[in-house]
Amino acid sequence: MGPVELLHMSVFSQSFSPCGRFLAAGNNYGEIALFSLAAALSPDATPASLKPVLTFTAHEGPVFSLLSTDSFLLSAGNGEISAWSWTELTKKNVKRLWTKRPNYRSSLEIPEINSMVINTQDNSLVIGAGDNNVHILDLEHGDFKAVLQGHTDYVH
């Protein structure tokens, strides 16, 4: 990434790893950067230790939301959610585990996904999106099981 891109970069989302040793940050270029907190916060930190230990492209558009679970980093962009293994990411291995897209009203509609939260009671992922709806993904079966409608604007 060149100096112009760095100058115009916006970080839209961030999430700590379950071990607390890493911080993931998602930007407007669709990249996720993984930072080592021990290296960056060390009294002996150098400019090099402030840089990400891993950077990868997660989505074609911005990464609007990141969410950590005990095992996975979930990232959301324009119309899709992807899962990444924390174990693999901390070994600097980038491999997308899965990508899911909510059922939108038309194939031309690709609203951004602004927020995500895990509902531990039924093992589902609740997603707030730019189509004014809340989508619910059954994480056990990988299917979207409900759409909650009624908002008149984006769900953040």
Protein backbone atom coordinates (compact mmCIF):
# COMPACT_ATOMS: atom_id res chain seq x y z
CA MET A 1 0.00 0.00 0.00
CA GLY A 2 1.40 3.35 -1.01
CA PRO A 3 1.59 6.61 0.94
CA VAL A 4 -1.55 8.04 -0.69
CA GLU A 5 -3.61 4.98 0.29
CA LEU A 6 -2.23 5.10 3.84
CA LEU A 7 -3.12 8.78 4.06
CA HIS A 8 -6.71 8.08 3.03
CA MET A 9 -7.20 4.87 5.02
CA SER A 10 -10.11 4.65 7.45
CA VAL A 11 -10.38 1.94 10.09
CA PHE A 12 -14.05 0.97 10.37
CA SER A 13 -13.82 -1.98 12.76
CA GLN A 14 -11.61 -3.62 15.35
CA SER A 15 -11.71 -6.69 17.57
CA PHE A 16 -9.40 -8.34 20.11
CA SER A 17 -8.35 -11.97 19.74
CA PRO A 18 -9.77 -14.33 22.39
CA CYS A 19 -6.29 -14.69 23.94
CA GLY A 20 -5.98 -10.90 24.20
CA ARG A 21 -2.59 -10.87 22.46
CA PHE A 22 -3.74 -9.50 19.10
CA LEU A 23 -5.89 -6.69 17.74
CA ALA A 24 -7.56 -7.06 14.35
CA ALA A 25 -8.45 -3.85 12.48
CA GLY A 26 -10.55 -3.68 9.29
CA ASN A 27 -10.20 -0.80 6.84
CA ASN A 28 -11.92 0.84 3.88
CA TYR A 29 -9.72 -1.09 1.41
CA GLY A 30 -11.13 -4.47 2.51
CA GLU A 31 -8.02 -5.38 4.47
CA ILE A 32 -7.66 -6.79 7.95
CA ALA A 33 -4.44 -6.02 9.82
CA LEU A 34 -3.41 -8.10 12.82
CA PHE A 35 -1.30 -6.29 15.43
CA SER A 36 0.73 -7.89 18.23
CA LEU A 37 -0.26 -5.97 21.36
CA ALA A 38 2.77 -7.20 23.35
CA ALA A 39 5.14 -5.91 20.68
CA ALA A 40 3.32 -2.62 20.12
CA LEU A 41 2.85 -1.83 23.83
CA SER A 42 6.31 -2.91 24.98
CA PRO A 43 8.49 -0.24 26.61
CA ASP A 44 11.10 -1.28 24.02
CA ALA A 45 8.72 -0.89 21.08
CA THR A 46 10.31 0.13 17.81
CA PRO A 47 8.62 1.59 14.72
CA ALA A 48 8.70 -1.92 13.21
CA SER A 49 6.89 -3.44 16.21
CA LEU A 50 4.04 -0.97 15.73
CA LYS A 51 3.31 -2.39 12.28
CA PRO A 52 0.89 -5.29 11.69
CA VAL A 53 2.28 -8.82 11.96
CA LEU A 54 -0.19 -9.86 9.24
CA THR A 55 -2.26 -7.96 6.67
CA PHE A 56 -4.64 -9.64 4.23
CA THR A 57 -7.52 -8.77 1.93
CA ALA A 58 -10.77 -10.05 3.43
CA HIS A 59 -13.40 -8.36 1.24
CA GLU A 60 -13.58 -6.52 -2.09
CA GLY A 61 -15.00 -3.47 -0.33
CA PRO A 62 -14.61 -2.07 3.20
CA VAL A 63 -14.56 -4.23 6.32
CA PHE A 64 -17.42 -2.63 8.24
CA SER A 65 -17.58 -5.01 11.19
CA LEU A 66 -15.34 -7.49 13.03
CA LEU A 67 -16.37 -9.91 15.76
CA SER A 68 -14.25 -12.38 17.73
CA THR A 69 -15.43 -15.68 19.14
CA ASP A 70 -13.36 -18.21 21.07
CA SER A 71 -12.14 -19.75 17.81
CA PHE A 72 -13.01 -17.43 14.94
CA LEU A 73 -12.70 -13.91 13.63
CA LEU A 74 -15.82 -12.92 11.72
CA SER A 75 -15.56 -10.09 9.20
CA ALA A 76 -18.36 -8.32 7.37
CA GLY A 77 -18.30 -6.12 4.31
CA ASN A 78 -20.65 -5.31 1.46
CA GLY A 79 -23.31 -8.00 1.69
CA GLU A 80 -21.20 -10.84 3.07
CA ILE A 81 -19.76 -12.32 6.25
CA SER A 82 -16.56 -14.39 6.30
CA ALA A 83 -15.01 -16.55 9.01
CA TRP A 84 -11.30 -16.93 9.75
CA SER A 85 -9.60 -19.23 12.27
CA TRP A 86 -7.76 -17.37 15.03
CA THR A 87 -5.38 -20.34 15.36
CA GLU A 88 -4.40 -20.04 11.71
CA LEU A 89 -4.24 -16.23 11.69
CA THR A 90 -1.86 -16.17 14.66
CA LYS A 91 0.38 -18.55 12.65
CA LYS A 92 0.16 -16.06 9.74
CA ASN A 93 -1.91 -18.50 7.66
CA VAL A 94 -4.79 -16.80 5.85
CA LYS A 95 -7.54 -19.19 4.86
CA ARG A 96 -11.18 -18.21 4.64
CA LEU A 97 -13.30 -20.88 6.37
CA TRP A 98 -16.63 -19.80 4.92
CA THR A 99 -18.53 -16.87 3.47
CA LYS A 100 -22.28 -16.32 3.86
CA ARG A 101 -24.64 -13.82 2.26
CA PRO A 102 -28.04 -12.93 3.70
CA ASN A 103 -31.02 -13.36 1.39
CA TYR A 104 -31.59 -9.90 -0.04
CA ARG A 105 -34.69 -8.72 -1.91
CA SER A 106 -32.90 -8.57 -5.25
CA SER A 107 -29.59 -9.69 -6.71
CA LEU A 108 -28.80 -6.04 -7.48
CA GLU A 109 -28.97 -5.12 -3.80
CA ILE A 110 -25.69 -5.48 -1.92
CA PRO A 111 -26.11 -3.58 1.36
CA GLU A 112 -23.26 -3.27 3.81
CA ILE A 113 -23.26 -5.29 7.01
CA ASN A 114 -22.73 -2.80 9.82
CA SER A 115 -22.84 -4.87 13.00
CA MET A 116 -22.74 -8.42 14.30
CA VAL A 117 -23.38 -10.06 17.65
CA ILE A 118 -23.51 -13.70 18.76
CA ASN A 119 -26.67 -14.93 20.47
CA THR A 120 -25.28 -17.69 22.70
CA GLN A 121 -28.75 -18.97 23.66
CA ASP A 122 -29.39 -20.41 20.20
CA ASN A 123 -25.89 -20.26 18.62
CA SER A 124 -26.87 -17.67 16.03
CA LEU A 125 -25.23 -14.62 14.53
CA VAL A 126 -27.42 -11.50 14.52
CA ILE A 127 -26.51 -9.09 11.73
CA GLY A 128 -27.50 -5.43 11.31
CA ALA A 129 -27.43 -4.37 7.66
CA GLY A 130 -27.86 -1.48 5.28
CA ASP A 131 -31.07 -2.96 3.86
CA ASN A 132 -32.88 -1.76 7.04
CA ASN A 133 -33.19 -5.35 8.31
CA VAL A 134 -31.72 -7.62 10.96
CA HIS A 135 -30.70 -11.02 9.59
CA ILE A 136 -30.21 -14.08 11.80
CA LEU A 137 -27.72 -16.78 10.78
CA ASP A 138 -27.95 -20.23 12.41
CA LEU A 139 -24.26 -20.95 13.03
CA GLU A 140 -24.79 -24.66 13.62
CA HIS A 141 -26.42 -25.29 10.22
CA GLY A 142 -25.05 -22.30 8.26
CA ASP A 143 -28.47 -21.10 7.12
CA PHE A 144 -30.18 -17.75 7.53
CA LYS A 145 -33.26 -18.54 9.59
CA ALA A 146 -35.01 -15.19 10.00
CA VAL A 147 -35.19 -11.58 8.85
CA LEU A 148 -36.49 -8.95 11.26
CA GLN A 149 -38.07 -6.07 9.36
CA GLY A 150 -39.49 -2.75 10.42
CA HIS A 151 -36.58 -0.32 10.56
CA THR A 152 -36.87 2.69 8.28
CA ASP A 153 -33.13 3.22 7.89
CA TYR A 154 -29.81 1.38 8.13
CA VAL A 155 -29.32 -0.90 11.13
CA HIS A 156 -26.03 -0.10 12.84
